[in-house]
N, C-alpha and C. Protein backbone atom coordinates (compact mmCIF):
# COMPACT_ATOMS: atom_id res chain seq x y z
N UNK A 1 81.08 99.24 135.04
CA UNK A 1 82.37 99.66 134.54
C UNK A 1 82.20 100.03 133.07
N UNK A 2 82.69 101.21 132.69
CA UNK A 2 82.53 101.61 131.30
C UNK A 2 83.50 100.83 130.41
N UNK A 3 83.24 100.87 129.11
CA UNK A 3 84.01 100.05 128.17
C UNK A 3 85.49 100.39 128.20
N UNK A 4 85.84 101.68 128.30
CA UNK A 4 87.23 102.08 128.31
C UNK A 4 87.97 101.50 129.52
N UNK A 5 87.35 101.53 130.72
CA UNK A 5 87.97 100.96 131.91
C UNK A 5 88.12 99.45 131.78
N UNK A 6 87.10 98.79 131.21
CA UNK A 6 87.15 97.34 131.03
C UNK A 6 88.31 96.96 130.12
N UNK A 7 88.49 97.71 129.02
CA UNK A 7 89.58 97.43 128.08
C UNK A 7 90.92 97.64 128.76
N UNK A 8 91.07 98.74 129.50
CA UNK A 8 92.33 99.01 130.21
C UNK A 8 92.64 97.89 131.20
N UNK A 9 91.63 97.43 131.91
CA UNK A 9 91.84 96.34 132.88
C UNK A 9 92.24 95.05 132.17
N UNK A 10 91.59 94.75 131.05
CA UNK A 10 91.91 93.54 130.30
C UNK A 10 93.33 93.59 129.75
N UNK A 11 93.76 94.74 129.28
CA UNK A 11 95.10 94.87 128.73
C UNK A 11 96.17 94.75 129.80
N UNK A 12 95.87 95.15 131.02
CA UNK A 12 96.84 95.13 132.11
C UNK A 12 96.80 93.84 132.93
N UNK A 13 96.03 92.85 132.52
CA UNK A 13 95.91 91.60 133.26
C UNK A 13 97.27 90.92 133.39
N UNK A 14 97.44 90.18 134.48
CA UNK A 14 98.68 89.45 134.69
C UNK A 14 98.72 88.22 133.77
N UNK A 15 99.92 87.68 133.54
CA UNK A 15 99.99 86.46 132.73
C UNK A 15 99.14 85.32 133.32
N UNK A 16 99.11 85.22 134.63
CA UNK A 16 98.30 84.18 135.27
C UNK A 16 96.82 84.37 134.97
N UNK A 17 96.34 85.62 135.07
CA UNK A 17 94.93 85.91 134.77
C UNK A 17 94.60 85.61 133.31
N UNK A 18 95.52 85.92 132.44
CA UNK A 18 95.28 85.66 131.02
C UNK A 18 95.19 84.15 130.78
N UNK A 19 96.11 83.38 131.40
CA UNK A 19 96.05 81.92 131.23
C UNK A 19 94.75 81.35 131.77
N UNK A 20 94.26 81.87 132.88
CA UNK A 20 92.98 81.40 133.44
C UNK A 20 91.85 81.68 132.44
N UNK A 21 91.85 82.85 131.85
CA UNK A 21 90.80 83.19 130.87
C UNK A 21 90.90 82.30 129.62
N UNK A 22 92.13 82.05 129.19
CA UNK A 22 92.31 81.18 128.02
C UNK A 22 91.81 79.77 128.33
N UNK A 23 92.20 79.23 129.47
CA UNK A 23 91.77 77.87 129.84
C UNK A 23 90.25 77.76 129.96
N UNK A 24 89.61 78.85 130.36
CA UNK A 24 88.14 78.85 130.50
C UNK A 24 87.44 79.13 129.17
N UNK A 25 88.22 79.35 128.11
CA UNK A 25 87.62 79.62 126.81
C UNK A 25 87.11 81.05 126.67
N UNK A 26 87.55 81.95 127.54
CA UNK A 26 87.08 83.33 127.52
C UNK A 26 87.98 84.26 126.72
N UNK A 27 89.12 83.76 126.30
CA UNK A 27 90.05 84.56 125.50
C UNK A 27 90.53 83.66 124.36
N UNK A 28 90.03 83.91 123.15
CA UNK A 28 90.34 83.02 122.03
C UNK A 28 90.99 83.76 120.85
N UNK A 29 91.60 84.90 121.13
CA UNK A 29 92.30 85.61 120.06
C UNK A 29 93.75 85.81 120.49
N UNK A 30 94.52 86.50 119.67
CA UNK A 30 95.92 86.74 120.00
C UNK A 30 96.06 87.48 121.32
N UNK A 31 97.27 87.58 121.82
CA UNK A 31 97.51 88.23 123.11
C UNK A 31 98.27 89.55 122.96
N UNK A 32 98.26 90.12 121.79
CA UNK A 32 98.93 91.42 121.59
C UNK A 32 98.36 92.44 122.56
N UNK A 33 99.25 93.18 123.20
CA UNK A 33 98.82 94.23 124.12
C UNK A 33 98.52 93.73 125.52
N UNK A 34 98.50 92.44 125.72
CA UNK A 34 98.20 91.88 127.05
C UNK A 34 99.49 91.73 127.85
N UNK A 35 99.38 91.77 129.16
CA UNK A 35 100.51 91.60 130.08
C UNK A 35 101.71 92.46 129.67
N UNK A 36 101.52 93.78 129.67
CA UNK A 36 102.59 94.69 129.25
C UNK A 36 103.89 94.42 130.01
N UNK A 37 104.99 94.41 129.27
CA UNK A 37 106.30 94.23 129.87
C UNK A 37 106.68 92.80 130.13
N UNK A 38 105.80 91.86 129.85
CA UNK A 38 106.08 90.44 130.08
C UNK A 38 106.46 89.77 128.76
N UNK A 39 107.24 88.71 128.87
CA UNK A 39 107.63 87.95 127.70
C UNK A 39 106.43 87.23 127.10
N UNK A 40 106.26 87.34 125.81
CA UNK A 40 105.25 86.57 125.09
C UNK A 40 105.98 85.78 124.02
N UNK A 41 105.47 84.60 123.74
CA UNK A 41 106.17 83.69 122.84
C UNK A 41 105.25 83.09 121.80
N UNK A 42 105.86 82.71 120.68
CA UNK A 42 105.23 81.79 119.76
C UNK A 42 105.65 80.41 120.22
N UNK A 43 104.90 79.42 119.83
CA UNK A 43 105.15 78.07 120.33
C UNK A 43 105.27 77.10 119.17
N UNK A 44 106.31 76.31 119.19
CA UNK A 44 106.46 75.21 118.23
C UNK A 44 106.56 73.93 119.06
N UNK A 45 105.79 72.95 118.68
CA UNK A 45 105.83 71.65 119.36
C UNK A 45 106.18 70.63 118.30
N UNK A 46 107.30 69.96 118.49
CA UNK A 46 107.78 69.02 117.49
C UNK A 46 108.09 67.67 118.13
N UNK A 47 107.98 66.60 117.36
CA UNK A 47 108.41 65.29 117.89
C UNK A 47 109.90 65.33 118.20
N UNK A 48 110.30 64.60 119.21
CA UNK A 48 111.69 64.59 119.64
C UNK A 48 112.64 64.24 118.50
N UNK A 49 112.22 63.39 117.58
CA UNK A 49 113.07 63.02 116.44
C UNK A 49 113.48 64.23 115.60
N UNK A 50 112.69 65.29 115.63
CA UNK A 50 112.98 66.49 114.84
C UNK A 50 113.45 67.67 115.68
N UNK A 51 113.40 67.52 116.99
CA UNK A 51 113.67 68.65 117.89
C UNK A 51 115.08 69.21 117.73
N UNK A 52 116.09 68.34 117.65
CA UNK A 52 117.47 68.83 117.55
C UNK A 52 117.67 69.62 116.26
N UNK A 53 117.13 69.11 115.15
CA UNK A 53 117.25 69.84 113.89
C UNK A 53 116.53 71.19 113.97
N UNK A 54 115.36 71.20 114.58
CA UNK A 54 114.62 72.45 114.72
C UNK A 54 115.39 73.45 115.58
N UNK A 55 115.96 72.97 116.68
CA UNK A 55 116.72 73.85 117.57
C UNK A 55 117.97 74.39 116.86
N UNK A 56 118.63 73.54 116.08
CA UNK A 56 119.78 74.02 115.31
C UNK A 56 119.36 75.13 114.35
N UNK A 57 118.24 74.92 113.66
CA UNK A 57 117.73 75.95 112.75
C UNK A 57 117.50 77.26 113.50
N UNK A 58 116.88 77.18 114.68
CA UNK A 58 116.61 78.40 115.47
C UNK A 58 117.91 79.06 115.92
N UNK A 59 118.87 78.26 116.37
CA UNK A 59 120.14 78.82 116.83
C UNK A 59 120.91 79.49 115.69
N UNK A 60 120.76 78.96 114.50
CA UNK A 60 121.45 79.53 113.35
C UNK A 60 120.71 80.72 112.75
N UNK A 61 119.49 80.93 113.19
CA UNK A 61 118.65 82.04 112.73
C UNK A 61 118.04 82.76 113.94
N UNK A 62 118.89 83.31 114.81
CA UNK A 62 118.39 83.84 116.07
C UNK A 62 117.51 85.09 115.97
N UNK A 63 117.65 85.86 114.91
CA UNK A 63 116.82 87.06 114.82
C UNK A 63 115.36 86.71 114.55
N UNK A 64 115.05 85.89 113.54
CA UNK A 64 113.64 85.56 113.34
C UNK A 64 113.14 84.46 114.26
N UNK A 65 114.03 83.67 114.86
CA UNK A 65 113.62 82.54 115.70
C UNK A 65 114.38 82.50 117.02
N UNK A 66 114.26 83.55 117.86
CA UNK A 66 114.98 83.53 119.13
C UNK A 66 114.36 82.55 120.12
N UNK A 67 115.16 81.65 120.64
CA UNK A 67 114.66 80.64 121.58
C UNK A 67 114.53 81.26 122.97
N UNK A 68 113.33 81.18 123.54
CA UNK A 68 113.09 81.68 124.89
C UNK A 68 113.16 80.55 125.91
N UNK A 69 112.71 79.36 125.53
CA UNK A 69 112.75 78.21 126.44
C UNK A 69 112.51 76.94 125.63
N UNK A 70 113.02 75.82 126.17
CA UNK A 70 112.81 74.51 125.57
C UNK A 70 112.33 73.57 126.67
N UNK A 71 111.23 72.89 126.40
CA UNK A 71 110.69 71.96 127.37
C UNK A 71 111.36 70.61 127.30
N UNK A 72 111.13 69.79 128.31
CA UNK A 72 111.62 68.43 128.32
C UNK A 72 110.69 67.55 127.48
N UNK A 73 111.23 66.50 126.91
CA UNK A 73 110.46 65.60 126.07
C UNK A 73 109.25 65.06 126.83
N UNK A 74 108.07 65.24 126.22
CA UNK A 74 106.83 64.71 126.79
C UNK A 74 106.24 65.50 127.94
N UNK A 75 106.91 66.58 128.34
CA UNK A 75 106.46 67.36 129.50
C UNK A 75 105.81 68.66 129.01
N UNK A 76 104.52 68.86 129.29
CA UNK A 76 103.84 70.06 128.80
C UNK A 76 104.05 71.30 129.66
N UNK A 77 104.67 71.18 130.80
CA UNK A 77 104.92 72.35 131.65
C UNK A 77 106.24 72.98 131.22
N UNK A 78 106.32 74.30 131.39
CA UNK A 78 107.56 75.03 131.08
C UNK A 78 107.90 75.95 132.24
N UNK A 79 108.47 75.40 133.32
CA UNK A 79 108.78 76.23 134.49
C UNK A 79 109.76 77.36 134.22
N UNK A 80 110.56 77.25 133.17
CA UNK A 80 111.49 78.34 132.84
C UNK A 80 110.73 79.61 132.45
N UNK A 81 109.47 79.46 132.02
CA UNK A 81 108.68 80.62 131.61
C UNK A 81 107.75 81.13 132.70
N UNK A 82 107.46 80.31 133.69
CA UNK A 82 106.55 80.75 134.75
C UNK A 82 105.89 79.58 135.44
N UNK A 83 105.24 79.89 136.55
CA UNK A 83 104.52 78.87 137.32
C UNK A 83 103.23 78.48 136.61
N UNK A 84 102.86 77.24 136.76
CA UNK A 84 101.55 76.77 136.32
C UNK A 84 101.30 76.97 134.83
N UNK A 85 102.33 76.79 134.03
CA UNK A 85 102.16 76.89 132.58
C UNK A 85 101.95 75.49 132.02
N UNK A 86 100.88 75.32 131.28
CA UNK A 86 100.59 74.05 130.60
C UNK A 86 100.48 74.36 129.11
N UNK A 87 101.49 73.97 128.38
CA UNK A 87 101.58 74.27 126.96
C UNK A 87 100.37 73.77 126.18
N UNK A 88 99.71 72.73 126.66
CA UNK A 88 98.59 72.12 125.94
C UNK A 88 97.33 72.97 125.93
N UNK A 89 97.21 73.90 126.89
CA UNK A 89 95.95 74.64 127.00
C UNK A 89 96.12 76.12 127.32
N UNK A 90 97.33 76.63 127.33
CA UNK A 90 97.55 78.03 127.72
C UNK A 90 97.71 78.99 126.56
N UNK A 91 97.63 78.52 125.33
CA UNK A 91 97.62 79.41 124.17
C UNK A 91 96.17 79.59 123.75
N UNK A 92 95.81 80.75 123.21
CA UNK A 92 94.41 80.97 122.83
C UNK A 92 93.93 80.02 121.74
N UNK A 93 94.83 79.60 120.85
CA UNK A 93 94.48 78.61 119.83
C UNK A 93 95.77 78.00 119.29
N UNK A 94 95.62 76.84 118.69
CA UNK A 94 96.75 76.11 118.14
C UNK A 94 96.46 75.77 116.69
N UNK A 95 97.48 75.85 115.88
CA UNK A 95 97.40 75.36 114.50
C UNK A 95 98.18 74.06 114.47
N UNK A 96 97.52 72.98 114.11
CA UNK A 96 98.13 71.66 114.12
C UNK A 96 98.51 71.29 112.69
N UNK A 97 99.78 71.00 112.51
CA UNK A 97 100.30 70.59 111.20
C UNK A 97 100.73 69.13 111.27
N UNK A 98 100.42 68.38 110.25
CA UNK A 98 100.86 66.99 110.12
C UNK A 98 101.52 66.88 108.74
N UNK A 99 102.76 66.41 108.73
CA UNK A 99 103.53 66.30 107.47
C UNK A 99 103.53 67.62 106.70
N UNK A 100 103.65 68.72 107.42
CA UNK A 100 103.74 70.03 106.80
C UNK A 100 102.42 70.64 106.35
N UNK A 101 101.32 69.96 106.59
CA UNK A 101 100.01 70.45 106.18
C UNK A 101 99.18 70.84 107.40
N UNK A 102 98.54 72.01 107.33
CA UNK A 102 97.63 72.42 108.39
C UNK A 102 96.43 71.47 108.39
N UNK A 103 96.21 70.80 109.52
CA UNK A 103 95.11 69.83 109.59
C UNK A 103 93.94 70.33 110.41
N UNK A 104 94.21 71.21 111.39
CA UNK A 104 93.12 71.75 112.20
C UNK A 104 93.62 72.91 113.04
N UNK A 105 92.65 73.69 113.52
CA UNK A 105 92.90 74.75 114.48
C UNK A 105 92.01 74.49 115.67
N UNK A 106 92.62 74.42 116.87
CA UNK A 106 91.88 74.07 118.08
C UNK A 106 92.30 74.98 119.23
N UNK A 107 91.49 74.99 120.28
CA UNK A 107 91.79 75.81 121.46
C UNK A 107 92.53 75.04 122.54
N UNK A 108 92.71 73.73 122.35
CA UNK A 108 93.35 72.91 123.37
C UNK A 108 93.94 71.69 122.65
N UNK A 109 95.19 71.35 122.98
CA UNK A 109 95.81 70.19 122.34
C UNK A 109 96.07 69.06 123.32
N UNK A 110 95.39 69.05 124.45
CA UNK A 110 95.59 67.98 125.44
C UNK A 110 95.37 66.60 124.83
N UNK A 111 94.34 66.45 124.00
CA UNK A 111 94.05 65.15 123.38
C UNK A 111 95.10 64.77 122.34
N UNK A 112 95.79 65.75 121.80
CA UNK A 112 96.79 65.49 120.77
C UNK A 112 98.20 65.31 121.34
N UNK A 113 98.39 65.63 122.62
CA UNK A 113 99.72 65.62 123.22
C UNK A 113 100.29 64.21 123.21
N UNK A 114 101.58 64.13 122.89
CA UNK A 114 102.27 62.83 122.85
C UNK A 114 103.48 62.85 123.76
N UNK A 115 103.90 61.67 124.18
CA UNK A 115 105.06 61.54 125.06
C UNK A 115 106.38 61.90 124.40
N UNK A 116 106.39 62.03 123.06
CA UNK A 116 107.63 62.38 122.37
C UNK A 116 107.69 63.84 121.94
N UNK A 117 106.72 64.64 122.35
CA UNK A 117 106.70 66.05 121.96
C UNK A 117 107.69 66.87 122.77
N UNK A 118 108.31 67.84 122.10
CA UNK A 118 109.20 68.82 122.73
C UNK A 118 108.63 70.19 122.39
N UNK A 119 108.37 70.99 123.42
CA UNK A 119 107.84 72.34 123.22
C UNK A 119 109.01 73.33 123.17
N UNK A 120 108.95 74.22 122.19
CA UNK A 120 109.97 75.26 122.04
C UNK A 120 109.25 76.60 122.02
N UNK A 121 109.58 77.44 122.98
CA UNK A 121 109.00 78.79 123.04
C UNK A 121 109.96 79.74 122.33
N UNK A 122 109.41 80.47 121.36
CA UNK A 122 110.20 81.39 120.55
C UNK A 122 109.76 82.82 120.83
N UNK A 123 110.71 83.70 121.00
CA UNK A 123 110.38 85.10 121.23
C UNK A 123 109.53 85.64 120.09
N UNK A 124 108.63 86.56 120.42
CA UNK A 124 107.75 87.12 119.39
C UNK A 124 107.65 88.63 119.57
N UNK A 125 107.14 89.28 118.54
CA UNK A 125 107.08 90.74 118.53
C UNK A 125 106.19 91.30 119.63
N UNK A 126 105.24 90.51 120.15
CA UNK A 126 104.35 91.02 121.20
C UNK A 126 105.14 91.41 122.44
N UNK A 127 106.34 90.81 122.65
CA UNK A 127 107.14 91.12 123.82
C UNK A 127 107.72 92.53 123.77
N UNK A 128 108.01 93.03 122.57
CA UNK A 128 108.60 94.37 122.52
C UNK A 128 107.64 95.44 122.02
N UNK A 129 106.39 95.09 121.80
CA UNK A 129 105.45 96.11 121.30
C UNK A 129 105.27 97.25 122.29
N UNK A 130 105.34 96.95 123.59
CA UNK A 130 105.18 98.02 124.58
C UNK A 130 106.35 99.00 124.54
N UNK A 131 107.55 98.49 124.24
CA UNK A 131 108.70 99.38 124.09
C UNK A 131 108.48 100.30 122.90
N UNK A 132 107.91 99.77 121.82
CA UNK A 132 107.63 100.61 120.66
C UNK A 132 106.57 101.66 120.98
N UNK A 133 105.58 101.25 121.76
CA UNK A 133 104.53 102.20 122.13
C UNK A 133 105.11 103.32 122.99
N UNK A 134 106.00 102.94 123.93
CA UNK A 134 106.63 103.95 124.78
C UNK A 134 107.54 104.87 123.97
N UNK A 135 108.18 104.31 122.94
CA UNK A 135 109.00 105.15 122.06
C UNK A 135 108.04 106.06 121.31
N UNK A 136 108.56 107.03 120.65
CA UNK A 136 107.68 107.99 120.00
C UNK A 136 107.28 107.49 118.61
N UNK A 137 106.43 106.48 118.59
CA UNK A 137 105.97 105.90 117.33
C UNK A 137 105.11 106.88 116.56
N UNK A 138 104.35 107.71 117.26
CA UNK A 138 103.53 108.70 116.56
C UNK A 138 104.40 109.63 115.72
N UNK A 139 105.51 110.03 116.29
CA UNK A 139 106.44 110.90 115.56
C UNK A 139 106.98 110.17 114.34
N UNK A 140 107.37 108.90 114.51
CA UNK A 140 107.90 108.13 113.38
C UNK A 140 106.84 107.98 112.29
N UNK A 141 105.60 107.75 112.68
CA UNK A 141 104.52 107.62 111.71
C UNK A 141 104.31 108.95 110.97
N UNK A 142 104.37 110.04 111.70
CA UNK A 142 104.20 111.36 111.07
C UNK A 142 105.31 111.63 110.05
N UNK A 143 106.56 111.24 110.39
CA UNK A 143 107.66 111.43 109.46
C UNK A 143 107.43 110.57 108.22
N UNK A 144 106.97 109.35 108.42
CA UNK A 144 106.67 108.46 107.29
C UNK A 144 105.62 109.09 106.38
N UNK A 145 104.54 109.57 106.98
CA UNK A 145 103.42 110.11 106.20
C UNK A 145 103.76 111.45 105.54
N UNK A 146 104.41 112.32 106.30
CA UNK A 146 104.62 113.67 105.79
C UNK A 146 105.89 113.85 104.97
N UNK A 147 106.89 112.96 105.15
CA UNK A 147 108.16 113.17 104.47
C UNK A 147 108.58 111.98 103.60
N UNK A 148 108.74 110.82 104.21
CA UNK A 148 109.33 109.68 103.50
C UNK A 148 108.46 109.19 102.35
N UNK A 149 107.21 108.90 102.60
CA UNK A 149 106.34 108.38 101.54
C UNK A 149 106.11 109.38 100.42
N UNK A 150 105.81 110.64 100.71
CA UNK A 150 105.63 111.59 99.60
C UNK A 150 106.90 111.74 98.75
N UNK A 151 108.06 111.74 99.41
CA UNK A 151 109.31 111.85 98.67
C UNK A 151 109.50 110.62 97.76
N UNK A 152 109.27 109.44 98.31
CA UNK A 152 109.41 108.22 97.53
C UNK A 152 108.38 108.19 96.39
N UNK A 153 107.16 108.59 96.66
CA UNK A 153 106.12 108.60 95.63
C UNK A 153 106.49 109.54 94.49
N UNK A 154 107.10 110.66 94.83
CA UNK A 154 107.51 111.61 93.79
C UNK A 154 108.55 110.98 92.87
N UNK A 155 109.48 110.22 93.46
CA UNK A 155 110.53 109.59 92.66
C UNK A 155 110.03 108.35 91.92
N UNK A 156 109.14 107.57 92.56
CA UNK A 156 108.68 106.30 91.97
C UNK A 156 107.52 106.48 91.01
N UNK A 157 106.78 107.55 91.15
CA UNK A 157 105.67 107.80 90.24
C UNK A 157 104.31 107.53 90.86
N UNK A 158 103.31 108.13 90.26
CA UNK A 158 101.94 108.05 90.78
C UNK A 158 101.38 106.63 90.78
N UNK A 159 101.72 105.83 89.75
CA UNK A 159 101.24 104.44 89.71
C UNK A 159 101.72 103.67 90.94
N UNK A 160 103.01 103.85 91.27
CA UNK A 160 103.54 103.16 92.45
C UNK A 160 102.79 103.61 93.71
N UNK A 161 102.58 104.90 93.83
CA UNK A 161 101.91 105.45 95.02
C UNK A 161 100.50 104.88 95.15
N UNK A 162 99.79 104.76 94.04
CA UNK A 162 98.43 104.20 94.09
C UNK A 162 98.46 102.73 94.48
N UNK A 163 99.40 101.99 93.88
CA UNK A 163 99.50 100.55 94.23
C UNK A 163 99.84 100.39 95.71
N UNK A 164 100.79 101.20 96.21
CA UNK A 164 101.19 101.13 97.61
C UNK A 164 99.99 101.45 98.51
N UNK A 165 99.27 102.50 98.19
CA UNK A 165 98.13 102.91 99.01
C UNK A 165 97.05 101.83 99.05
N UNK A 166 96.87 101.12 97.94
CA UNK A 166 95.82 100.10 97.88
C UNK A 166 96.26 98.77 98.49
N UNK A 167 97.54 98.56 98.69
CA UNK A 167 98.03 97.29 99.25
C UNK A 167 98.56 97.51 100.67
N UNK A 168 99.83 97.82 100.78
CA UNK A 168 100.44 98.01 102.09
C UNK A 168 99.74 99.13 102.86
N UNK A 169 99.51 100.24 102.20
CA UNK A 169 98.88 101.37 102.86
C UNK A 169 97.52 101.02 103.44
N UNK A 170 96.73 100.22 102.72
CA UNK A 170 95.42 99.81 103.21
C UNK A 170 95.55 98.96 104.46
N UNK A 171 96.57 98.13 104.53
CA UNK A 171 96.77 97.25 105.68
C UNK A 171 97.19 98.05 106.91
N UNK A 172 98.12 98.99 106.73
CA UNK A 172 98.65 99.74 107.88
C UNK A 172 97.90 101.04 108.14
N UNK A 173 96.95 101.38 107.28
CA UNK A 173 96.16 102.58 107.50
C UNK A 173 96.86 103.87 107.12
N UNK A 174 97.75 103.81 106.15
CA UNK A 174 98.48 104.99 105.70
C UNK A 174 98.40 105.04 104.18
N UNK A 175 97.86 106.11 103.65
CA UNK A 175 97.81 106.27 102.20
C UNK A 175 98.65 107.47 101.79
N UNK A 176 99.10 107.43 100.55
CA UNK A 176 99.92 108.53 100.02
C UNK A 176 98.97 109.47 99.27
N UNK A 177 99.00 110.72 99.67
CA UNK A 177 98.13 111.74 99.04
C UNK A 177 98.77 112.26 97.78
């Protein structure tokens, strides 16, 4: 199988296939572009003592923190999101924070799981990236490059344009000529 076909197959894998690969340690990076059209989430796992406050925060800030599902206390499965989901091992990696400090990054949190943990799945941008791809993003990028940025650079000055090109532009791959 050539590389292009392999990549296309990997990108079109089902959520179940992706979870199997993650559990086997074969997929250890983000899941952007995987399982097109399926819900993808960020995950927050908090002790039950803090769960209500965290959920209130999310409910009061639904745009940046949309709640997709909430697990039961101490239960690592999330049937509301799909069959055979185990929050402890189905993400490619976990960042573990203790008292607000990052303490480690691991591929599995089964050993760290506690009976008082509550899992909260939060909607993430990976869920709508396919809609953006289907929309005419190339056209929007062309308008940005050919019209919006040059116009702004003319008004803001050459120094601004150079700073933008070396910072934001370098990250997104767009420079102002």
